[in-house]
Amino acid sequence: MSNDQSSNENRGRAAANGVSVSTTLSVIVAAIAVLLGFLILRDVNRDRNDAYVPSESEVTTTLPIDPTQSSVPTDSTTLPRTGFKVMVANASGVTGSAGQMSTALQAQQFIVTQPTNAAETVGKQTATKVYYVAGYESGAAAVAQVLGGVPIEAVPTPPPVESGELGEATVLVLLGTDLAGKLLPGALPTAPTDTTTTLAPA
């Protein structure tokens, strides 16, 4: 075999190998491109599904509840103003303020009992609180809201009133100096007033 023939055969093999390698590389590149395209499309679709934002009606917020004390953010239109009786106990030191508060609460459609004074052990209070008998939390919440969102608590034993008893009352307002002799912050503007009942001042 001559050198020319050997050289031609080598060139032929090299050319065939070059075509074979370039074809293989093209196939691999195409396969990688298809795979990448599939992965990108899958991620785009996943992002669309993950980007779902719930509407206002689907969003619920749970607030932590402390069973001993809470402020009341509830809408006043959903809270009951009947089915329970409210007693106001004066812990402000302002004479007659429990009677005034009782009249104001009655004007807001609450059923009130005779006002009283706080127990001597309570002393003068700067902040008003609302207490409730078990089962009357919603009533206490309604009163607390009308009072401007004051805290509510379960009534202690004995109740912090002069007589030590609530009688028929299931909600107690322990009136402090913050609200004594003042207008109700959360009062209904058009609530009917009852001028036929006179309560003795406490």
N, C-alpha and C. Protein backbone atom coordinates (compact mmCIF):
# COMPACT_ATOMS: atom_id res chain seq x y z
N MET A 1 0.85 -1.18 0.00
CA MET A 1 0.00 0.00 0.00
C MET A 1 0.88 1.22 0.00
N SER A 2 0.51 2.20 -0.83
CA SER A 2 1.34 3.40 -0.95
C SER A 2 0.98 4.37 0.17
N ASN A 3 1.88 5.32 0.34
CA ASN A 3 1.64 6.36 1.36
C ASN A 3 0.41 7.18 1.03
N ASP A 4 0.17 7.41 -0.29
CA ASP A 4 -1.00 8.21 -0.70
C ASP A 4 -2.29 7.49 -0.32
N GLN A 5 -2.33 6.17 -0.57
CA GLN A 5 -3.55 5.42 -0.26
C GLN A 5 -3.80 5.41 1.24
N SER A 6 -2.72 5.19 2.01
CA SER A 6 -2.85 5.16 3.47
C SER A 6 -3.33 6.51 3.97
N SER A 7 -2.81 7.56 3.41
CA SER A 7 -3.20 8.92 3.81
C SER A 7 -4.65 9.19 3.48
N ASN A 8 -5.11 8.74 2.32
CA ASN A 8 -6.51 8.93 1.92
C ASN A 8 -7.44 8.16 2.84
N GLU A 9 -7.04 6.95 3.20
CA GLU A 9 -7.89 6.16 4.09
C GLU A 9 -8.01 6.82 5.46
N ASN A 10 -6.87 7.33 5.96
CA ASN A 10 -6.89 8.02 7.27
C ASN A 10 -7.79 9.25 7.24
N ARG A 11 -7.70 10.00 6.11
CA ARG A 11 -8.57 11.18 5.99
C ARG A 11 -10.03 10.78 5.95
N GLY A 12 -10.32 9.69 5.26
CA GLY A 12 -11.70 9.21 5.16
C GLY A 12 -12.23 8.81 6.53
N ARG A 13 -11.38 8.09 7.30
CA ARG A 13 -11.82 7.68 8.64
C ARG A 13 -12.04 8.90 9.54
N ALA A 14 -11.12 9.86 9.48
CA ALA A 14 -11.22 11.06 10.29
C ALA A 14 -12.50 11.82 9.96
N ALA A 15 -12.80 11.91 8.64
CA ALA A 15 -14.01 12.63 8.21
C ALA A 15 -15.25 11.91 8.72
N ALA A 16 -15.25 10.57 8.64
CA ALA A 16 -16.39 9.79 9.11
C ALA A 16 -16.54 9.97 10.62
N ASN A 17 -15.39 9.92 11.35
CA ASN A 17 -15.43 10.12 12.79
C ASN A 17 -15.92 11.52 13.14
N GLY A 18 -15.47 12.53 12.37
CA GLY A 18 -15.89 13.92 12.60
C GLY A 18 -17.39 14.07 12.44
N VAL A 19 -17.94 13.44 11.38
CA VAL A 19 -19.38 13.50 11.15
C VAL A 19 -20.10 12.80 12.28
N SER A 20 -19.56 11.63 12.70
CA SER A 20 -20.18 10.85 13.77
C SER A 20 -20.17 11.63 15.08
N VAL A 21 -19.03 12.26 15.42
CA VAL A 21 -18.92 13.02 16.67
C VAL A 21 -19.82 14.23 16.62
N SER A 22 -19.83 14.97 15.52
CA SER A 22 -20.66 16.16 15.43
C SER A 22 -22.14 15.79 15.47
N THR A 23 -22.54 14.67 14.89
CA THR A 23 -23.93 14.22 14.94
C THR A 23 -24.31 13.87 16.37
N THR A 24 -23.42 13.17 17.06
CA THR A 24 -23.67 12.79 18.45
C THR A 24 -23.80 14.02 19.34
N LEU A 25 -22.89 14.98 19.14
CA LEU A 25 -22.96 16.22 19.93
C LEU A 25 -24.26 16.97 19.66
N SER A 26 -24.67 17.02 18.41
CA SER A 26 -25.92 17.71 18.06
C SER A 26 -27.11 17.06 18.76
N VAL A 27 -27.14 15.73 18.78
CA VAL A 27 -28.23 15.00 19.42
C VAL A 27 -28.23 15.29 20.93
N ILE A 28 -27.04 15.29 21.54
CA ILE A 28 -26.94 15.54 22.99
C ILE A 28 -27.40 16.97 23.32
N VAL A 29 -26.94 17.94 22.54
CA VAL A 29 -27.32 19.34 22.75
C VAL A 29 -28.83 19.50 22.61
N ALA A 30 -29.41 18.88 21.59
CA ALA A 30 -30.86 18.96 21.37
C ALA A 30 -31.62 18.34 22.55
N ALA A 31 -31.13 17.20 23.04
CA ALA A 31 -31.79 16.53 24.17
C ALA A 31 -31.72 17.40 25.42
N ILE A 32 -30.56 18.04 25.65
CA ILE A 32 -30.42 18.93 26.81
C ILE A 32 -31.36 20.12 26.68
N ALA A 33 -31.46 20.69 25.47
CA ALA A 33 -32.34 21.84 25.25
C ALA A 33 -33.79 21.47 25.52
N VAL A 34 -34.22 20.29 25.07
CA VAL A 34 -35.60 19.84 25.30
C VAL A 34 -35.84 19.65 26.80
N LEU A 35 -34.88 19.04 27.49
CA LEU A 35 -35.01 18.81 28.91
C LEU A 35 -35.09 20.13 29.68
N LEU A 36 -34.21 21.08 29.34
CA LEU A 36 -34.25 22.39 30.00
C LEU A 36 -35.57 23.11 29.74
N GLY A 37 -36.04 23.03 28.51
CA GLY A 37 -37.32 23.65 28.17
C GLY A 37 -38.45 23.06 29.01
N PHE A 38 -38.45 21.75 29.16
CA PHE A 38 -39.49 21.08 29.98
C PHE A 38 -39.42 21.55 31.43
N LEU A 39 -38.20 21.61 31.99
CA LEU A 39 -38.03 22.02 33.38
C LEU A 39 -38.46 23.47 33.59
N ILE A 40 -38.13 24.34 32.64
CA ILE A 40 -38.52 25.76 32.76
C ILE A 40 -40.03 25.91 32.72
N LEU A 41 -40.69 25.21 31.79
CA LEU A 41 -42.15 25.29 31.70
C LEU A 41 -42.81 24.75 32.97
N ARG A 42 -42.25 23.69 33.52
CA ARG A 42 -42.81 23.11 34.75
C ARG A 42 -42.71 24.11 35.90
N ASP A 43 -41.56 24.78 36.02
CA ASP A 43 -41.37 25.76 37.09
C ASP A 43 -42.28 26.97 36.91
N VAL A 44 -42.49 27.39 35.66
CA VAL A 44 -43.39 28.52 35.40
C VAL A 44 -44.80 28.17 35.85
N ASN A 45 -45.26 26.97 35.51
CA ASN A 45 -46.61 26.55 35.91
C ASN A 45 -46.71 26.43 37.43
N ARG A 46 -45.67 25.93 38.08
CA ARG A 46 -45.68 25.79 39.53
C ARG A 46 -45.75 27.18 40.18
N ASP A 47 -44.99 28.16 39.64
CA ASP A 47 -45.01 29.52 40.18
C ASP A 47 -46.40 30.13 40.07
N ARG A 48 -47.09 29.86 38.96
CA ARG A 48 -48.44 30.38 38.80
C ARG A 48 -49.37 29.82 39.88
N ASN A 49 -49.24 28.53 40.17
CA ASN A 49 -50.08 27.90 41.19
C ASN A 49 -49.72 28.39 42.58
N ASP A 50 -48.42 28.59 42.84
CA ASP A 50 -47.98 29.05 44.16
C ASP A 50 -48.32 30.50 44.40
N ALA A 51 -48.52 31.28 43.36
CA ALA A 51 -48.78 32.70 43.50
C ALA A 51 -50.23 33.00 43.82
N TYR A 52 -51.04 31.98 44.12
CA TYR A 52 -52.46 32.17 44.44
C TYR A 52 -52.60 32.99 45.72
N VAL A 53 -53.38 34.06 45.64
CA VAL A 53 -53.62 34.91 46.80
C VAL A 53 -55.08 34.79 47.18
N PRO A 54 -55.40 34.40 48.43
CA PRO A 54 -56.80 34.26 48.82
C PRO A 54 -57.51 35.59 48.84
N SER A 55 -58.81 35.56 48.56
CA SER A 55 -59.60 36.78 48.59
C SER A 55 -59.86 37.17 50.03
N GLU A 56 -60.39 38.40 50.24
CA GLU A 56 -60.66 38.89 51.59
C GLU A 56 -61.58 37.96 52.36
N SER A 57 -62.57 37.39 51.65
CA SER A 57 -63.54 36.55 52.33
C SER A 57 -62.93 35.22 52.78
N GLU A 58 -61.78 34.83 52.19
CA GLU A 58 -61.16 33.57 52.55
C GLU A 58 -60.12 33.74 53.66
N VAL A 59 -59.76 34.98 53.97
CA VAL A 59 -58.73 35.22 54.96
C VAL A 59 -59.37 35.27 56.34
N THR A 60 -58.89 34.46 57.25
CA THR A 60 -59.38 34.50 58.62
C THR A 60 -58.22 34.79 59.54
N THR A 61 -58.47 35.58 60.54
CA THR A 61 -57.44 35.93 61.50
C THR A 61 -57.82 35.41 62.86
N THR A 62 -56.92 34.71 63.50
CA THR A 62 -57.17 34.21 64.83
C THR A 62 -56.35 35.01 65.82
N LEU A 63 -57.02 35.62 66.77
CA LEU A 63 -56.33 36.40 67.77
C LEU A 63 -56.16 35.56 69.03
N PRO A 64 -55.02 35.73 69.70
CA PRO A 64 -54.85 34.98 70.94
C PRO A 64 -55.83 35.47 72.00
N ILE A 65 -56.38 34.55 72.77
CA ILE A 65 -57.36 34.89 73.78
C ILE A 65 -56.82 34.54 75.15
N ASP A 66 -56.74 35.55 76.00
CA ASP A 66 -56.34 35.35 77.39
C ASP A 66 -57.63 35.19 78.18
N PRO A 67 -57.87 34.01 78.81
CA PRO A 67 -59.14 33.77 79.49
C PRO A 67 -59.36 34.69 80.68
N THR A 68 -58.30 35.31 81.21
CA THR A 68 -58.48 36.16 82.38
C THR A 68 -58.71 37.62 82.02
N GLN A 69 -58.23 38.05 80.85
CA GLN A 69 -58.40 39.45 80.48
C GLN A 69 -58.30 39.60 78.98
N SER A 70 -59.16 40.46 78.44
CA SER A 70 -59.09 40.72 77.01
C SER A 70 -59.74 42.05 76.70
N SER A 71 -59.32 42.66 75.59
CA SER A 71 -60.01 43.82 75.08
C SER A 71 -60.95 43.32 74.00
N VAL A 72 -61.99 44.07 73.69
CA VAL A 72 -63.04 43.55 72.83
C VAL A 72 -63.09 44.32 71.51
N PRO A 73 -62.59 43.72 70.38
CA PRO A 73 -62.64 44.40 69.10
C PRO A 73 -63.88 44.05 68.29
N THR A 74 -64.84 43.36 68.88
CA THR A 74 -65.97 42.83 68.14
C THR A 74 -66.92 43.92 67.68
N ASP A 75 -67.55 43.73 66.55
CA ASP A 75 -68.52 44.68 66.00
C ASP A 75 -69.73 44.75 66.91
N SER A 76 -70.13 45.97 67.28
CA SER A 76 -71.22 46.15 68.25
C SER A 76 -72.55 45.65 67.72
N THR A 77 -72.71 45.56 66.41
CA THR A 77 -74.00 45.12 65.87
C THR A 77 -74.23 43.63 66.11
N THR A 78 -73.18 42.87 66.41
CA THR A 78 -73.34 41.43 66.60
C THR A 78 -73.41 41.03 68.07
N LEU A 79 -73.18 41.97 68.98
CA LEU A 79 -73.17 41.64 70.40
C LEU A 79 -74.54 41.91 71.02
N PRO A 80 -75.01 41.00 71.88
CA PRO A 80 -76.34 41.16 72.48
C PRO A 80 -76.35 42.26 73.54
N ARG A 81 -77.46 42.96 73.64
CA ARG A 81 -77.62 43.96 74.70
C ARG A 81 -78.75 43.60 75.65
N THR A 82 -79.34 42.44 75.42
CA THR A 82 -80.41 41.97 76.31
C THR A 82 -80.11 40.54 76.70
N GLY A 83 -80.91 40.02 77.66
CA GLY A 83 -80.71 38.65 78.11
C GLY A 83 -79.78 38.55 79.30
N PHE A 84 -79.37 39.68 79.84
CA PHE A 84 -78.52 39.71 81.02
C PHE A 84 -78.71 41.06 81.70
N LYS A 85 -78.31 41.14 82.97
CA LYS A 85 -78.44 42.38 83.72
C LYS A 85 -77.07 42.90 84.13
N VAL A 86 -76.95 44.22 84.10
CA VAL A 86 -75.67 44.88 84.38
C VAL A 86 -75.76 45.65 85.69
N MET A 87 -74.74 45.50 86.50
CA MET A 87 -74.62 46.30 87.73
C MET A 87 -73.39 47.18 87.59
N VAL A 88 -73.52 48.45 88.00
CA VAL A 88 -72.38 49.36 88.00
C VAL A 88 -71.98 49.61 89.45
N ALA A 89 -70.70 49.39 89.74
CA ALA A 89 -70.16 49.64 91.08
C ALA A 89 -69.16 50.78 91.00
N ASN A 90 -69.35 51.78 91.84
CA ASN A 90 -68.50 52.97 91.82
C ASN A 90 -67.18 52.70 92.53
N ALA A 91 -66.09 52.71 91.76
CA ALA A 91 -64.75 52.58 92.34
C ALA A 91 -63.92 53.81 91.99
N SER A 92 -64.62 54.89 91.58
CA SER A 92 -63.92 56.10 91.13
C SER A 92 -63.75 57.13 92.23
N GLY A 93 -64.58 57.04 93.24
CA GLY A 93 -64.56 58.08 94.28
C GLY A 93 -65.36 59.31 93.89
N VAL A 94 -65.95 59.33 92.70
CA VAL A 94 -66.77 60.45 92.23
C VAL A 94 -68.22 60.15 92.60
N THR A 95 -68.77 60.90 93.51
CA THR A 95 -70.12 60.65 94.02
C THR A 95 -71.15 60.73 92.89
N GLY A 96 -72.05 59.73 92.86
CA GLY A 96 -73.12 59.70 91.88
C GLY A 96 -72.74 59.18 90.51
N SER A 97 -71.46 58.85 90.29
CA SER A 97 -71.02 58.43 88.95
C SER A 97 -71.56 57.06 88.56
N ALA A 98 -71.77 56.15 89.52
CA ALA A 98 -72.33 54.83 89.19
C ALA A 98 -73.78 54.97 88.73
N GLY A 99 -74.54 55.88 89.35
CA GLY A 99 -75.91 56.14 88.92
C GLY A 99 -75.95 56.72 87.52
N GLN A 100 -75.05 57.67 87.25
CA GLN A 100 -74.99 58.27 85.91
C GLN A 100 -74.64 57.21 84.86
N MET A 101 -73.66 56.36 85.19
CA MET A 101 -73.26 55.31 84.24
C MET A 101 -74.40 54.33 84.02
N SER A 102 -75.13 53.98 85.07
CA SER A 102 -76.27 53.06 84.92
C SER A 102 -77.31 53.64 83.98
N THR A 103 -77.61 54.94 84.15
CA THR A 103 -78.59 55.60 83.27
C THR A 103 -78.09 55.62 81.83
N ALA A 104 -76.79 55.88 81.64
CA ALA A 104 -76.22 55.92 80.29
C ALA A 104 -76.28 54.53 79.64
N LEU A 105 -76.00 53.48 80.41
CA LEU A 105 -76.06 52.12 79.86
C LEU A 105 -77.50 51.73 79.54
N GLN A 106 -78.44 52.17 80.38
CA GLN A 106 -79.85 51.90 80.12
C GLN A 106 -80.28 52.57 78.81
N ALA A 107 -79.77 53.76 78.56
CA ALA A 107 -80.08 54.46 77.32
C ALA A 107 -79.51 53.74 76.11
N GLN A 108 -78.52 52.88 76.34
CA GLN A 108 -77.93 52.10 75.26
C GLN A 108 -78.56 50.70 75.17
N GLN A 109 -79.75 50.54 75.73
CA GLN A 109 -80.56 49.33 75.61
C GLN A 109 -80.10 48.19 76.50
N PHE A 110 -79.27 48.45 77.49
CA PHE A 110 -78.89 47.42 78.45
C PHE A 110 -79.89 47.43 79.61
N ILE A 111 -80.09 46.27 80.22
CA ILE A 111 -80.93 46.16 81.40
C ILE A 111 -80.01 46.30 82.61
N VAL A 112 -80.26 47.32 83.44
CA VAL A 112 -79.37 47.58 84.56
C VAL A 112 -80.08 47.35 85.89
N THR A 113 -79.29 47.01 86.90
CA THR A 113 -79.83 46.87 88.25
C THR A 113 -79.43 48.10 89.06
N GLN A 114 -79.82 48.14 90.31
CA GLN A 114 -79.51 49.27 91.18
C GLN A 114 -77.99 49.43 91.29
N PRO A 115 -77.46 50.64 91.05
CA PRO A 115 -76.01 50.84 91.17
C PRO A 115 -75.57 50.71 92.61
N THR A 116 -74.29 50.48 92.81
CA THR A 116 -73.74 50.28 94.15
C THR A 116 -72.33 50.86 94.21
N ASN A 117 -71.69 50.66 95.31
CA ASN A 117 -70.29 51.06 95.47
C ASN A 117 -69.41 49.82 95.44
N ALA A 118 -68.16 50.02 95.06
CA ALA A 118 -67.20 48.92 95.09
C ALA A 118 -66.88 48.58 96.54
N ALA A 119 -66.41 47.36 96.74
CA ALA A 119 -65.99 46.94 98.09
C ALA A 119 -64.85 47.83 98.57
N GLU A 120 -64.78 48.05 99.86
CA GLU A 120 -63.74 48.91 100.43
C GLU A 120 -62.34 48.40 100.10
N THR A 121 -62.20 47.08 100.00
CA THR A 121 -60.89 46.49 99.72
C THR A 121 -60.38 46.82 98.32
N VAL A 122 -61.30 47.22 97.42
CA VAL A 122 -60.91 47.53 96.03
C VAL A 122 -60.15 48.85 95.98
N GLY A 123 -60.60 49.82 96.76
CA GLY A 123 -59.95 51.13 96.74
C GLY A 123 -60.33 51.90 95.47
N LYS A 124 -59.72 53.06 95.30
CA LYS A 124 -60.00 53.90 94.14
C LYS A 124 -59.31 53.33 92.91
N GLN A 125 -60.08 53.16 91.83
CA GLN A 125 -59.56 52.59 90.58
C GLN A 125 -59.46 53.68 89.51
N THR A 126 -58.35 53.69 88.78
CA THR A 126 -58.20 54.66 87.70
C THR A 126 -58.74 54.12 86.38
N ALA A 127 -58.80 52.79 86.24
CA ALA A 127 -59.26 52.18 84.98
C ALA A 127 -60.51 51.35 85.21
N THR A 128 -61.50 51.54 84.34
CA THR A 128 -62.75 50.79 84.41
C THR A 128 -62.53 49.37 83.90
N LYS A 129 -63.19 48.41 84.55
CA LYS A 129 -63.14 47.01 84.12
C LYS A 129 -64.55 46.46 84.08
N VAL A 130 -64.75 45.45 83.25
CA VAL A 130 -66.04 44.76 83.19
C VAL A 130 -65.81 43.31 83.59
N TYR A 131 -66.63 42.84 84.53
CA TYR A 131 -66.57 41.45 84.98
C TYR A 131 -67.82 40.71 84.52
N TYR A 132 -67.68 39.40 84.33
CA TYR A 132 -68.82 38.60 83.90
C TYR A 132 -68.91 37.31 84.69
N VAL A 133 -70.15 36.87 84.88
CA VAL A 133 -70.42 35.55 85.44
C VAL A 133 -70.26 34.56 84.29
N ALA A 134 -69.74 33.36 84.54
CA ALA A 134 -69.51 32.36 83.49
C ALA A 134 -70.77 32.19 82.63
N GLY A 135 -70.58 32.23 81.33
CA GLY A 135 -71.68 32.08 80.38
C GLY A 135 -72.19 33.41 79.85
N TYR A 136 -71.72 34.52 80.41
CA TYR A 136 -72.19 35.85 79.99
C TYR A 136 -71.05 36.70 79.42
N GLU A 137 -70.08 36.01 78.81
CA GLU A 137 -68.93 36.71 78.23
C GLU A 137 -69.34 37.66 77.11
N SER A 138 -70.31 37.24 76.28
CA SER A 138 -70.71 38.11 75.15
C SER A 138 -71.42 39.35 75.66
N GLY A 139 -72.19 39.22 76.75
CA GLY A 139 -72.83 40.39 77.34
C GLY A 139 -71.78 41.36 77.88
N ALA A 140 -70.78 40.82 78.55
CA ALA A 140 -69.69 41.66 79.06
C ALA A 140 -68.95 42.33 77.92
N ALA A 141 -68.77 41.60 76.82
CA ALA A 141 -68.09 42.16 75.66
C ALA A 141 -68.88 43.33 75.07
N ALA A 142 -70.21 43.21 75.05
CA ALA A 142 -71.06 44.29 74.52
C ALA A 142 -70.93 45.53 75.39
N VAL A 143 -70.96 45.34 76.71
CA VAL A 143 -70.83 46.47 77.63
C VAL A 143 -69.45 47.09 77.49
N ALA A 144 -68.42 46.25 77.45
CA ALA A 144 -67.04 46.74 77.36
C ALA A 144 -66.83 47.55 76.10
N GLN A 145 -67.49 47.15 75.02
CA GLN A 145 -67.32 47.90 73.77
C GLN A 145 -67.95 49.27 73.85
N VAL A 146 -69.13 49.34 74.45
CA VAL A 146 -69.79 50.64 74.62
C VAL A 146 -68.94 51.55 75.51
N LEU A 147 -68.21 50.95 76.43
CA LEU A 147 -67.34 51.71 77.32
C LEU A 147 -66.00 52.05 76.67
N GLY A 148 -65.86 51.73 75.39
CA GLY A 148 -64.63 52.09 74.66
C GLY A 148 -63.61 50.99 74.57
N GLY A 149 -64.03 49.74 74.79
CA GLY A 149 -63.10 48.61 74.64
C GLY A 149 -62.29 48.34 75.90
N VAL A 150 -62.91 48.53 77.07
CA VAL A 150 -62.20 48.26 78.32
C VAL A 150 -62.02 46.74 78.48
N PRO A 151 -61.07 46.32 79.33
CA PRO A 151 -60.84 44.88 79.50
C PRO A 151 -61.99 44.18 80.22
N ILE A 152 -62.15 42.89 79.92
CA ILE A 152 -63.15 42.08 80.62
C ILE A 152 -62.45 40.92 81.32
N GLU A 153 -63.04 40.51 82.44
CA GLU A 153 -62.49 39.39 83.22
C GLU A 153 -63.64 38.63 83.86
N ALA A 154 -63.38 37.38 84.20
CA ALA A 154 -64.35 36.60 84.98
C ALA A 154 -64.45 37.23 86.36
N VAL A 155 -65.66 37.29 86.89
CA VAL A 155 -65.87 37.93 88.19
C VAL A 155 -65.20 37.11 89.30
N PRO A 156 -64.47 37.78 90.18
CA PRO A 156 -63.82 37.03 91.28
C PRO A 156 -64.85 36.64 92.34
N THR A 157 -64.45 35.78 93.24
CA THR A 157 -65.30 35.38 94.37
C THR A 157 -64.65 35.84 95.66
N PRO A 158 -65.32 36.65 96.46
CA PRO A 158 -66.62 37.25 96.21
C PRO A 158 -66.50 38.42 95.23
N PRO A 159 -67.63 38.84 94.62
CA PRO A 159 -67.58 39.98 93.70
C PRO A 159 -67.10 41.24 94.43
N PRO A 160 -66.37 42.12 93.74
CA PRO A 160 -65.79 43.30 94.40
C PRO A 160 -66.80 44.44 94.58
N VAL A 161 -67.95 44.14 95.21
CA VAL A 161 -68.98 45.14 95.46
C VAL A 161 -69.25 45.22 96.96
N GLU A 162 -69.87 46.33 97.36
CA GLU A 162 -70.12 46.62 98.77
C GLU A 162 -70.81 45.46 99.51
N SER A 163 -71.86 44.89 98.88
CA SER A 163 -72.62 43.82 99.53
C SER A 163 -71.95 42.46 99.39
N GLY A 164 -71.01 42.33 98.46
CA GLY A 164 -70.36 41.04 98.22
C GLY A 164 -71.18 40.13 97.34
N GLU A 165 -72.32 40.62 96.82
CA GLU A 165 -73.19 39.81 95.96
C GLU A 165 -73.66 40.63 94.76
N LEU A 166 -73.88 39.93 93.64
CA LEU A 166 -74.36 40.61 92.44
C LEU A 166 -75.87 40.57 92.30
N GLY A 167 -76.54 39.75 93.10
CA GLY A 167 -77.99 39.61 92.95
C GLY A 167 -78.33 39.03 91.59
N GLU A 168 -79.20 39.71 90.83
CA GLU A 168 -79.61 39.22 89.50
C GLU A 168 -78.61 39.59 88.40
N ALA A 169 -77.67 40.46 88.70
CA ALA A 169 -76.72 40.92 87.69
C ALA A 169 -75.76 39.80 87.31
N THR A 170 -75.44 39.73 86.03
CA THR A 170 -74.46 38.75 85.54
C THR A 170 -73.26 39.44 84.90
N VAL A 171 -73.35 40.77 84.77
CA VAL A 171 -72.23 41.58 84.26
C VAL A 171 -72.03 42.73 85.24
N LEU A 172 -70.79 42.96 85.64
CA LEU A 172 -70.47 44.01 86.59
C LEU A 172 -69.50 45.00 85.97
N VAL A 173 -69.85 46.29 86.05
CA VAL A 173 -68.93 47.35 85.62
C VAL A 173 -68.31 47.93 86.88
N LEU A 174 -67.00 47.78 87.03
CA LEU A 174 -66.28 48.39 88.14
C LEU A 174 -65.76 49.73 87.60
N LEU A 175 -66.48 50.80 87.94
CA LEU A 175 -66.26 52.11 87.33
C LEU A 175 -65.05 52.82 87.94
N GLY A 176 -64.08 53.13 87.07
CA GLY A 176 -62.89 53.86 87.51
C GLY A 176 -62.98 55.33 87.17
N THR A 177 -61.95 56.07 87.53
CA THR A 177 -61.95 57.52 87.29
C THR A 177 -61.87 57.86 85.80
N ASP A 178 -61.41 56.91 84.97
CA ASP A 178 -61.29 57.19 83.53
C ASP A 178 -62.63 57.45 82.86
N LEU A 179 -63.72 56.83 83.36
CA LEU A 179 -65.03 57.00 82.73
C LEU A 179 -66.07 57.63 83.65
N ALA A 180 -65.71 57.91 84.87
CA ALA A 180 -66.67 58.47 85.82
C ALA A 180 -67.14 59.85 85.36
N GLY A 181 -68.48 60.00 85.23
CA GLY A 181 -69.05 61.28 84.85
C GLY A 181 -68.81 61.67 83.41
N LYS A 182 -68.41 60.72 82.54
CA LYS A 182 -68.10 61.04 81.14
C LYS A 182 -69.09 60.35 80.21
N LEU A 183 -69.12 60.83 78.96
CA LEU A 183 -69.96 60.21 77.93
C LEU A 183 -69.38 58.85 77.56
N LEU A 184 -70.26 57.96 77.10
CA LEU A 184 -69.80 56.63 76.69
C LEU A 184 -69.10 56.73 75.34
N PRO A 185 -67.84 56.27 75.24
CA PRO A 185 -67.10 56.39 73.98
C PRO A 185 -67.72 55.62 72.83
N GLY A 186 -68.33 54.45 73.11
CA GLY A 186 -68.87 53.61 72.03
C GLY A 186 -70.38 53.62 71.97
N ALA A 187 -71.01 54.68 72.45
CA ALA A 187 -72.48 54.73 72.50
C ALA A 187 -73.08 54.81 71.11
N LEU A 188 -74.26 54.20 70.97
CA LEU A 188 -75.00 54.32 69.71
C LEU A 188 -75.57 55.73 69.63
N PRO A 189 -75.42 56.42 68.49
CA PRO A 189 -75.88 57.80 68.40
C PRO A 189 -77.39 57.97 68.45
N THR A 190 -78.15 56.94 68.03
CA THR A 190 -79.60 57.10 67.96
C THR A 190 -80.33 56.18 68.92
N ALA A 191 -79.66 55.75 69.98
CA ALA A 191 -80.31 54.82 70.91
C ALA A 191 -81.43 55.52 71.66
N PRO A 192 -82.57 54.84 71.84
CA PRO A 192 -83.67 55.46 72.56
C PRO A 192 -83.33 55.59 74.04
N THR A 193 -83.85 56.64 74.68
CA THR A 193 -83.61 56.82 76.11
C THR A 193 -84.91 56.62 76.87
N ASP A 194 -84.80 56.03 78.03
CA ASP A 194 -85.96 55.80 78.87
C ASP A 194 -85.88 56.76 80.06
N THR A 195 -86.80 57.73 80.09
CA THR A 195 -86.75 58.75 81.14
C THR A 195 -87.67 58.43 82.30
N THR A 196 -88.35 57.27 82.23
CA THR A 196 -89.33 56.95 83.28
C THR A 196 -88.70 56.29 84.49
N THR A 197 -87.50 55.73 84.33
CA THR A 197 -86.87 55.03 85.45
C THR A 197 -85.83 55.92 86.08
N THR A 198 -85.90 56.08 87.37
CA THR A 198 -84.92 56.87 88.09
C THR A 198 -84.12 55.95 89.00
N LEU A 199 -82.82 56.00 88.88
CA LEU A 199 -81.95 55.16 89.69
C LEU A 199 -81.30 56.00 90.76
N ALA A 200 -81.24 55.47 91.97
CA ALA A 200 -80.60 56.21 93.06
C ALA A 200 -79.11 56.26 92.81
N PRO A 201 -78.49 57.42 92.98
CA PRO A 201 -77.04 57.52 92.77
C PRO A 201 -76.27 56.75 93.81
N ALA A 202 -75.11 56.22 93.36
CA ALA A 202 -74.27 55.47 94.29
C ALA A 202 -72.99 56.24 94.52
